[in-house]
Amino acid sequence: MAFIPYVPDDEIPAEHRVPDDDHIIRIHGVHPATLRLHYDLYVELMRAPSPLSRVQREMIAVVVSATNGCHY
C-alpha cells in the first residue's frame, strides 16, 4: 500500500480545513482544495438522508475497504 505523509494542520489554508481528523480525510492535505471537497462528499454520502441506514453505509465501506486490502 502506498504511503502519503500527512500535512500538518497549520500548513493547510484555513478555508480548506475541515472539522475531522480522520486519516482518509487528512490525506488530502497534500492538495488542500480537495480536502474540503472530499469531506463534503463524505458527509453527504455517509450522513445525509438516504434509503440506506448509517449502519448499512458503514458496512458497505468496511466491505469495500477489506476487498481493496485497505487497513484503515
PDB file of N, CA and C in Angstrom:
ATOM      1  N   MET A   1       0.843  -1.172   0.000  1.00  0.00           N
ATOM      2  CA  MET A   1       0.000   0.000   0.000  1.00  0.00           C
ATOM      3  C   MET A   1       0.893   1.242   0.000  1.00  0.00           C
ATOM      4  N   ALA A   2       0.496   2.241  -0.736  1.00  0.00           N
ATOM      5  CA  ALA A   2       1.250   3.478  -0.831  1.00  0.00           C
ATOM      6  C   ALA A   2       1.206   4.250   0.488  1.00  0.00           C
ATOM      7  N   PHE A   3       2.199   5.095   0.696  1.00  0.00           N
ATOM      8  CA  PHE A   3       2.244   5.928   1.889  1.00  0.00           C
ATOM      9  C   PHE A   3       2.349   7.383   1.457  1.00  0.00           C
ATOM     10  N   ILE A   4       1.463   8.195   1.947  1.00  0.00           N
ATOM     11  CA  ILE A   4       1.474   9.633   1.672  1.00  0.00           C
ATOM     12  C   ILE A   4       1.514  10.330   3.027  1.00  0.00           C
ATOM     13  N   PRO A   5       2.523  11.151   3.279  1.00  0.00           N
ATOM     14  CA  PRO A   5       2.616  11.815   4.583  1.00  0.00           C
ATOM     15  C   PRO A   5       1.499  12.853   4.762  1.00  0.00           C
ATOM     16  N   TYR A   6       1.071  13.001   5.999  1.00  0.00           N
ATOM     17  CA  TYR A   6       0.055  13.999   6.315  1.00  0.00           C
ATOM     18  C   TYR A   6       0.699  15.374   6.413  1.00  0.00           C
ATOM     19  N   VAL A   7      -0.027  16.368   5.949  1.00  0.00           N
ATOM     20  CA  VAL A   7       0.405  17.755   6.056  1.00  0.00           C
ATOM     21  C   VAL A   7      -0.075  18.263   7.421  1.00  0.00           C
ATOM     22  N   PRO A   8       0.791  18.925   8.188  1.00  0.00           N
ATOM     23  CA  PRO A   8       0.344  19.470   9.479  1.00  0.00           C
ATOM     24  C   PRO A   8      -0.832  20.431   9.288  1.00  0.00           C
ATOM     25  N   ASP A   9      -1.767  20.403  10.227  1.00  0.00           N
ATOM     26  CA  ASP A   9      -2.967  21.234  10.116  1.00  0.00           C
ATOM     27  C   ASP A   9      -2.646  22.704   9.902  1.00  0.00           C
ATOM     28  N   ASP A  10      -1.602  23.208  10.556  1.00  0.00           N
ATOM     29  CA  ASP A  10      -1.289  24.635  10.427  1.00  0.00           C
ATOM     30  C   ASP A  10      -0.720  24.998   9.052  1.00  0.00           C
ATOM     31  N   GLU A  11      -0.409  24.004   8.224  1.00  0.00           N
ATOM     32  CA  GLU A  11       0.064  24.265   6.862  1.00  0.00           C
ATOM     33  C   GLU A  11      -1.074  24.187   5.837  1.00  0.00           C
ATOM     34  N   ILE A  12      -2.254  23.840   6.286  1.00  0.00           N
ATOM     35  CA  ILE A  12      -3.421  23.799   5.399  1.00  0.00           C
ATOM     36  C   ILE A  12      -4.135  25.134   5.527  1.00  0.00           C
ATOM     37  N   PRO A  13      -4.385  25.819   4.397  1.00  0.00           N
ATOM     38  CA  PRO A  13      -5.079  27.109   4.471  1.00  0.00           C
ATOM     39  C   PRO A  13      -6.407  26.980   5.213  1.00  0.00           C
ATOM     40  N   ALA A  14      -6.721  27.970   6.011  1.00  0.00           N
ATOM     41  CA  ALA A  14      -7.916  27.933   6.866  1.00  0.00           C
ATOM     42  C   ALA A  14      -9.187  27.626   6.075  1.00  0.00           C
ATOM     43  N   GLU A  15      -9.306  28.140   4.868  1.00  0.00           N
ATOM     44  CA  GLU A  15     -10.534  27.938   4.087  1.00  0.00           C
ATOM     45  C   GLU A  15     -10.714  26.492   3.622  1.00  0.00           C
ATOM     46  N   HIS A  16      -9.657  25.691   3.708  1.00  0.00           N
ATOM     47  CA  HIS A  16      -9.738  24.296   3.277  1.00  0.00           C
ATOM     48  C   HIS A  16      -9.759  23.311   4.450  1.00  0.00           C
ATOM     49  N   ARG A  17      -9.600  23.794   5.662  1.00  0.00           N
ATOM     50  CA  ARG A  17      -9.611  22.903   6.828  1.00  0.00           C
ATOM     51  C   ARG A  17     -11.019  22.380   7.086  1.00  0.00           C
ATOM     52  N   VAL A  18     -11.080  21.182   7.672  1.00  0.00           N
ATOM     53  CA  VAL A  18     -12.371  20.564   7.977  1.00  0.00           C
ATOM     54  C   VAL A  18     -12.372  20.107   9.437  1.00  0.00           C
ATOM     55  N   PRO A  19     -13.559  19.969  10.035  1.00  0.00           N
ATOM     56  CA  PRO A  19     -13.641  19.560  11.439  1.00  0.00           C
ATOM     57  C   PRO A  19     -13.576  18.033  11.611  1.00  0.00           C
ATOM     58  N   ASP A  20     -12.589  17.415  10.992  1.00  0.00           N
ATOM     59  CA  ASP A  20     -12.463  15.954  11.045  1.00  0.00           C
ATOM     60  C   ASP A  20     -10.996  15.610  10.855  1.00  0.00           C
ATOM     61  N   ASP A  21     -10.444  14.815  11.750  1.00  0.00           N
ATOM     62  CA  ASP A  21      -9.034  14.449  11.606  1.00  0.00           C
ATOM     63  C   ASP A  21      -8.859  12.982  11.210  1.00  0.00           C
ATOM     64  N   ASP A  22      -9.915  12.400  10.615  1.00  0.00           N
ATOM     65  CA  ASP A  22      -9.852  11.025  10.132  1.00  0.00           C
ATOM     66  C   ASP A  22      -8.749  10.916   9.080  1.00  0.00           C
ATOM     67  N   HIS A  23      -7.995   9.856   9.122  1.00  0.00           N
ATOM     68  CA  HIS A  23      -6.853   9.699   8.226  1.00  0.00           C
ATOM     69  C   HIS A  23      -7.229   9.748   6.750  1.00  0.00           C
ATOM     70  N   ILE A  24      -8.327   9.128   6.367  1.00  0.00           N
ATOM     71  CA  ILE A  24      -8.706   9.125   4.953  1.00  0.00           C
ATOM     72  C   ILE A  24      -9.067  10.527   4.472  1.00  0.00           C
ATOM     73  N   ILE A  25      -9.511  11.374   5.363  1.00  0.00           N
ATOM     74  CA  ILE A  25      -9.795  12.765   5.018  1.00  0.00           C
ATOM     75  C   ILE A  25      -8.492  13.564   5.003  1.00  0.00           C
ATOM     76  N   ARG A  26      -7.676  13.408   6.026  1.00  0.00           N
ATOM     77  CA  ARG A  26      -6.444  14.201   6.167  1.00  0.00           C
ATOM     78  C   ARG A  26      -5.455  13.977   5.040  1.00  0.00           C
ATOM     79  N   ILE A  27      -5.506  12.836   4.385  1.00  0.00           N
ATOM     80  CA  ILE A  27      -4.555  12.554   3.315  1.00  0.00           C
ATOM     81  C   ILE A  27      -4.648  13.597   2.202  1.00  0.00           C
ATOM     82  N   HIS A  28      -5.804  14.244   2.097  1.00  0.00           N
ATOM     83  CA  HIS A  28      -5.991  15.262   1.063  1.00  0.00           C
ATOM     84  C   HIS A  28      -5.285  16.574   1.374  1.00  0.00           C
ATOM     85  N   GLY A  29      -4.653  16.659   2.525  1.00  0.00           N
ATOM     86  CA  GLY A  29      -3.921  17.873   2.873  1.00  0.00           C
ATOM     87  C   GLY A  29      -2.788  18.175   1.911  1.00  0.00           C
ATOM     88  N   VAL A  30      -2.323  17.160   1.174  1.00  0.00           N
ATOM     89  CA  VAL A  30      -1.264  17.401   0.188  1.00  0.00           C
ATOM     90  C   VAL A  30      -1.778  18.250  -0.967  1.00  0.00           C
ATOM     91  N   HIS A  31      -3.087  18.295  -1.142  1.00  0.00           N
ATOM     92  CA  HIS A  31      -3.731  19.149  -2.155  1.00  0.00           C
ATOM     93  C   HIS A  31      -4.949  19.748  -1.458  1.00  0.00           C
ATOM     94  N   PRO A  32      -4.744  20.813  -0.677  1.00  0.00           N
ATOM     95  CA  PRO A  32      -5.764  21.327   0.234  1.00  0.00           C
ATOM     96  C   PRO A  32      -7.147  21.584  -0.363  1.00  0.00           C
ATOM     97  N   ALA A  33      -7.224  22.012  -1.614  1.00  0.00           N
ATOM     98  CA  ALA A  33      -8.543  22.287  -2.192  1.00  0.00           C
ATOM     99  C   ALA A  33      -9.402  21.024  -2.240  1.00  0.00           C
ATOM    100  N   THR A  34      -8.783  19.862  -2.362  1.00  0.00           N
ATOM    101  CA  THR A  34      -9.551  18.617  -2.398  1.00  0.00           C
ATOM    102  C   THR A  34      -9.962  18.163  -1.003  1.00  0.00           C
ATOM    103  N   LEU A  35      -9.305  18.676   0.018  1.00  0.00           N
ATOM    104  CA  LEU A  35      -9.640  18.299   1.390  1.00  0.00           C
ATOM    105  C   LEU A  35     -11.086  18.653   1.700  1.00  0.00           C
ATOM    106  N   ARG A  36     -11.464  19.882   1.475  1.00  0.00           N
ATOM    107  CA  ARG A  36     -12.840  20.343   1.733  1.00  0.00           C
ATOM    108  C   ARG A  36     -13.824  19.592   0.835  1.00  0.00           C
ATOM    109  N   LEU A  37     -13.486  19.407  -0.434  1.00  0.00           N
ATOM    110  CA  LEU A  37     -14.388  18.720  -1.358  1.00  0.00           C
ATOM    111  C   LEU A  37     -14.625  17.270  -0.945  1.00  0.00           C
ATOM    112  N   HIS A  38     -13.561  16.572  -0.557  1.00  0.00           N
ATOM    113  CA  HIS A  38     -13.715  15.181  -0.140  1.00  0.00           C
ATOM    114  C   HIS A  38     -14.525  15.084   1.151  1.00  0.00           C
ATOM    115  N   TYR A  39     -14.266  15.977   2.070  1.00  0.00           N
ATOM    116  CA  TYR A  39     -15.029  15.977   3.327  1.00  0.00           C
ATOM    117  C   TYR A  39     -16.517  16.210   3.058  1.00  0.00           C
ATOM    118  N   ASP A  40     -16.830  17.191   2.224  1.00  0.00           N
ATOM    119  CA  ASP A  40     -18.231  17.478   1.904  1.00  0.00           C
ATOM    120  C   ASP A  40     -18.896  16.275   1.228  1.00  0.00           C
ATOM    121  N   LEU A  41     -18.174  15.602   0.337  1.00  0.00           N
ATOM    122  CA  LEU A  41     -18.702  14.402  -0.315  1.00  0.00           C
ATOM    123  C   LEU A  41     -18.944  13.304   0.718  1.00  0.00           C
ATOM    124  N   TYR A  42     -17.976  13.099   1.602  1.00  0.00           N
ATOM    125  CA  TYR A  42     -18.115  12.087   2.652  1.00  0.00           C
ATOM    126  C   TYR A  42     -19.344  12.352   3.518  1.00  0.00           C
ATOM    127  N   VAL A  43     -19.513  13.590   3.957  1.00  0.00           N
ATOM    128  CA  VAL A  43     -20.649  13.940   4.812  1.00  0.00           C
ATOM    129  C   VAL A  43     -21.962  13.688   4.067  1.00  0.00           C
ATOM    130  N   GLU A  44     -22.014  14.050   2.810  1.00  0.00           N
ATOM    131  CA  GLU A  44     -23.225  13.830   2.016  1.00  0.00           C
ATOM    132  C   GLU A  44     -23.527  12.339   1.880  1.00  0.00           C
ATOM    133  N   LEU A  45     -22.515  11.545   1.569  1.00  0.00           N
ATOM    134  CA  LEU A  45     -22.735  10.115   1.361  1.00  0.00           C
ATOM    135  C   LEU A  45     -23.039   9.356   2.646  1.00  0.00           C
ATOM    136  N   MET A  46     -22.388   9.730   3.730  1.00  0.00           N
ATOM    137  CA  MET A  46     -22.494   8.941   4.952  1.00  0.00           C
ATOM    138  C   MET A  46     -23.502   9.466   5.973  1.00  0.00           C
ATOM    139  N   ARG A  47     -23.834  10.742   5.914  1.00  0.00           N
ATOM    140  CA  ARG A  47     -24.676  11.308   6.972  1.00  0.00           C
ATOM    141  C   ARG A  47     -25.975  11.933   6.489  1.00  0.00           C
ATOM    142  N   ALA A  48     -26.077  12.229   5.205  1.00  0.00           N
ATOM    143  CA  ALA A  48     -27.299  12.860   4.694  1.00  0.00           C
ATOM    144  C   ALA A  48     -28.418  11.823   4.581  1.00  0.00           C
ATOM    145  N   PRO A  49     -29.653  12.286   4.474  1.00  0.00           N
ATOM    146  CA  PRO A  49     -30.769  11.353   4.303  1.00  0.00           C
ATOM    147  C   PRO A  49     -30.518  10.419   3.119  1.00  0.00           C
ATOM    148  N   SER A  50     -30.907   9.163   3.301  1.00  0.00           N
ATOM    149  CA  SER A  50     -30.628   8.140   2.284  1.00  0.00           C
ATOM    150  C   SER A  50     -31.569   6.969   2.492  1.00  0.00           C
ATOM    151  N   PRO A  51     -31.818   6.177   1.439  1.00  0.00           N
ATOM    152  CA  PRO A  51     -32.605   4.965   1.631  1.00  0.00           C
ATOM    153  C   PRO A  51     -31.854   3.919   2.466  1.00  0.00           C
ATOM    154  N   LEU A  52     -30.539   4.073   2.595  1.00  0.00           N
ATOM    155  CA  LEU A  52     -29.731   3.173   3.418  1.00  0.00           C
ATOM    156  C   LEU A  52     -29.503   3.797   4.789  1.00  0.00           C
ATOM    157  N   SER A  53     -29.494   2.970   5.819  1.00  0.00           N
ATOM    158  CA  SER A  53     -29.205   3.474   7.161  1.00  0.00           C
ATOM    159  C   SER A  53     -27.716   3.805   7.266  1.00  0.00           C
ATOM    160  N   ARG A  54     -27.364   4.534   8.297  1.00  0.00           N
ATOM    161  CA  ARG A  54     -25.953   4.859   8.521  1.00  0.00           C
ATOM    162  C   ARG A  54     -25.145   3.579   8.731  1.00  0.00           C
ATOM    163  N   VAL A  55     -25.709   2.626   9.455  1.00  0.00           N
ATOM    164  CA  VAL A  55     -25.031   1.351   9.701  1.00  0.00           C
ATOM    165  C   VAL A  55     -24.805   0.612   8.378  1.00  0.00           C
ATOM    166  N   GLN A  56     -25.805   0.590   7.506  1.00  0.00           N
ATOM    167  CA  GLN A  56     -25.635  -0.078   6.214  1.00  0.00           C
ATOM    168  C   GLN A  56     -24.534   0.580   5.389  1.00  0.00           C
ATOM    169  N   ARG A  57     -24.491   1.901   5.400  1.00  0.00           N
ATOM    170  CA  ARG A  57     -23.454   2.605   4.638  1.00  0.00           C
ATOM    171  C   ARG A  57     -22.071   2.316   5.203  1.00  0.00           C
ATOM    172  N   GLU A  58     -21.948   2.267   6.517  1.00  0.00           N
ATOM    173  CA  GLU A  58     -20.658   1.937   7.134  1.00  0.00           C
ATOM    174  C   GLU A  58     -20.250   0.503   6.808  1.00  0.00           C
ATOM    175  N   MET A  59     -21.213  -0.420   6.796  1.00  0.00           N
ATOM    176  CA  MET A  59     -20.897  -1.810   6.451  1.00  0.00           C
ATOM    177  C   MET A  59     -20.401  -1.920   5.021  1.00  0.00           C
ATOM    178  N   ILE A  60     -21.006  -1.195   4.108  1.00  0.00           N
ATOM    179  CA  ILE A  60     -20.556  -1.188   2.715  1.00  0.00           C
ATOM    180  C   ILE A  60     -19.130  -0.659   2.641  1.00  0.00           C
ATOM    181  N   ALA A  61     -18.843   0.412   3.369  1.00  0.00           N
ATOM    182  CA  ALA A  61     -17.491   0.986   3.363  1.00  0.00           C
ATOM    183  C   ALA A  61     -16.467  -0.014   3.889  1.00  0.00           C
ATOM    184  N   VAL A  62     -16.829  -0.752   4.933  1.00  0.00           N
ATOM    185  CA  VAL A  62     -15.912  -1.748   5.503  1.00  0.00           C
ATOM    186  C   VAL A  62     -15.646  -2.864   4.506  1.00  0.00           C
ATOM    187  N   VAL A  63     -16.688  -3.357   3.845  1.00  0.00           N
ATOM    188  CA  VAL A  63     -16.517  -4.441   2.871  1.00  0.00           C
ATOM    189  C   VAL A  63     -15.667  -3.981   1.692  1.00  0.00           C
ATOM    190  N   VAL A  64     -15.919  -2.785   1.193  1.00  0.00           N
ATOM    191  CA  VAL A  64     -15.118  -2.267   0.076  1.00  0.00           C
ATOM    192  C   VAL A  64     -13.659  -2.101   0.497  1.00  0.00           C
ATOM    193  N   SER A  65     -13.429  -1.552   1.681  1.00  0.00           N
ATOM    194  CA  SER A  65     -12.065  -1.387   2.165  1.00  0.00           C
ATOM    195  C   SER A  65     -11.362  -2.738   2.297  1.00  0.00           C
ATOM    196  N   ALA A  66     -12.060  -3.722   2.864  1.00  0.00           N
ATOM    197  CA  ALA A  66     -11.471  -5.060   3.027  1.00  0.00           C
ATOM    198  C   ALA A  66     -11.180  -5.685   1.677  1.00  0.00           C
ATOM    199  N   THR A  67     -12.097  -5.555   0.740  1.00  0.00           N
ATOM    200  CA  THR A  67     -11.910  -6.098  -0.602  1.00  0.00           C
ATOM    201  C   THR A  67     -10.700  -5.471  -1.288  1.00  0.00           C
ATOM    202  N   ASN A  68     -10.498  -4.178  -1.036  1.00  0.00           N
ATOM    203  CA  ASN A  68      -9.371  -3.458  -1.648  1.00  0.00           C
ATOM    204  C   ASN A  68      -8.071  -3.613  -0.853  1.00  0.00           C
ATOM    205  N   GLY A  69      -8.112  -4.325   0.245  1.00  0.00           N
ATOM    206  CA  GLY A  69      -6.916  -4.535   1.040  1.00  0.00           C
ATOM    207  C   GLY A  69      -6.500  -3.329   1.863  1.00  0.00           C
ATOM    208  N   CYS A  70      -7.429  -2.402   2.118  1.00  0.00           N
ATOM    209  CA  CYS A  70      -7.124  -1.232   2.924  1.00  0.00           C
ATOM    210  C   CYS A  70      -7.146  -1.621   4.406  1.00  0.00           C
ATOM    211  N   HIS A  71      -6.218  -1.130   5.167  1.00  0.00           N
ATOM    212  CA  HIS A  71      -6.151  -1.482   6.586  1.00  0.00           C
ATOM    213  C   HIS A  71      -6.803  -0.463   7.498  1.00  0.00           C
ATOM    214  N   TYR A  72      -7.318   0.624   6.979  1.00  0.00           N
ATOM    215  CA  TYR A  72      -7.975   1.583   7.855  1.00  0.00           C
ATOM    216  C   TYR A  72      -9.399   1.158   8.064  1.00  0.00           C
TER     217      TYR A  72
END
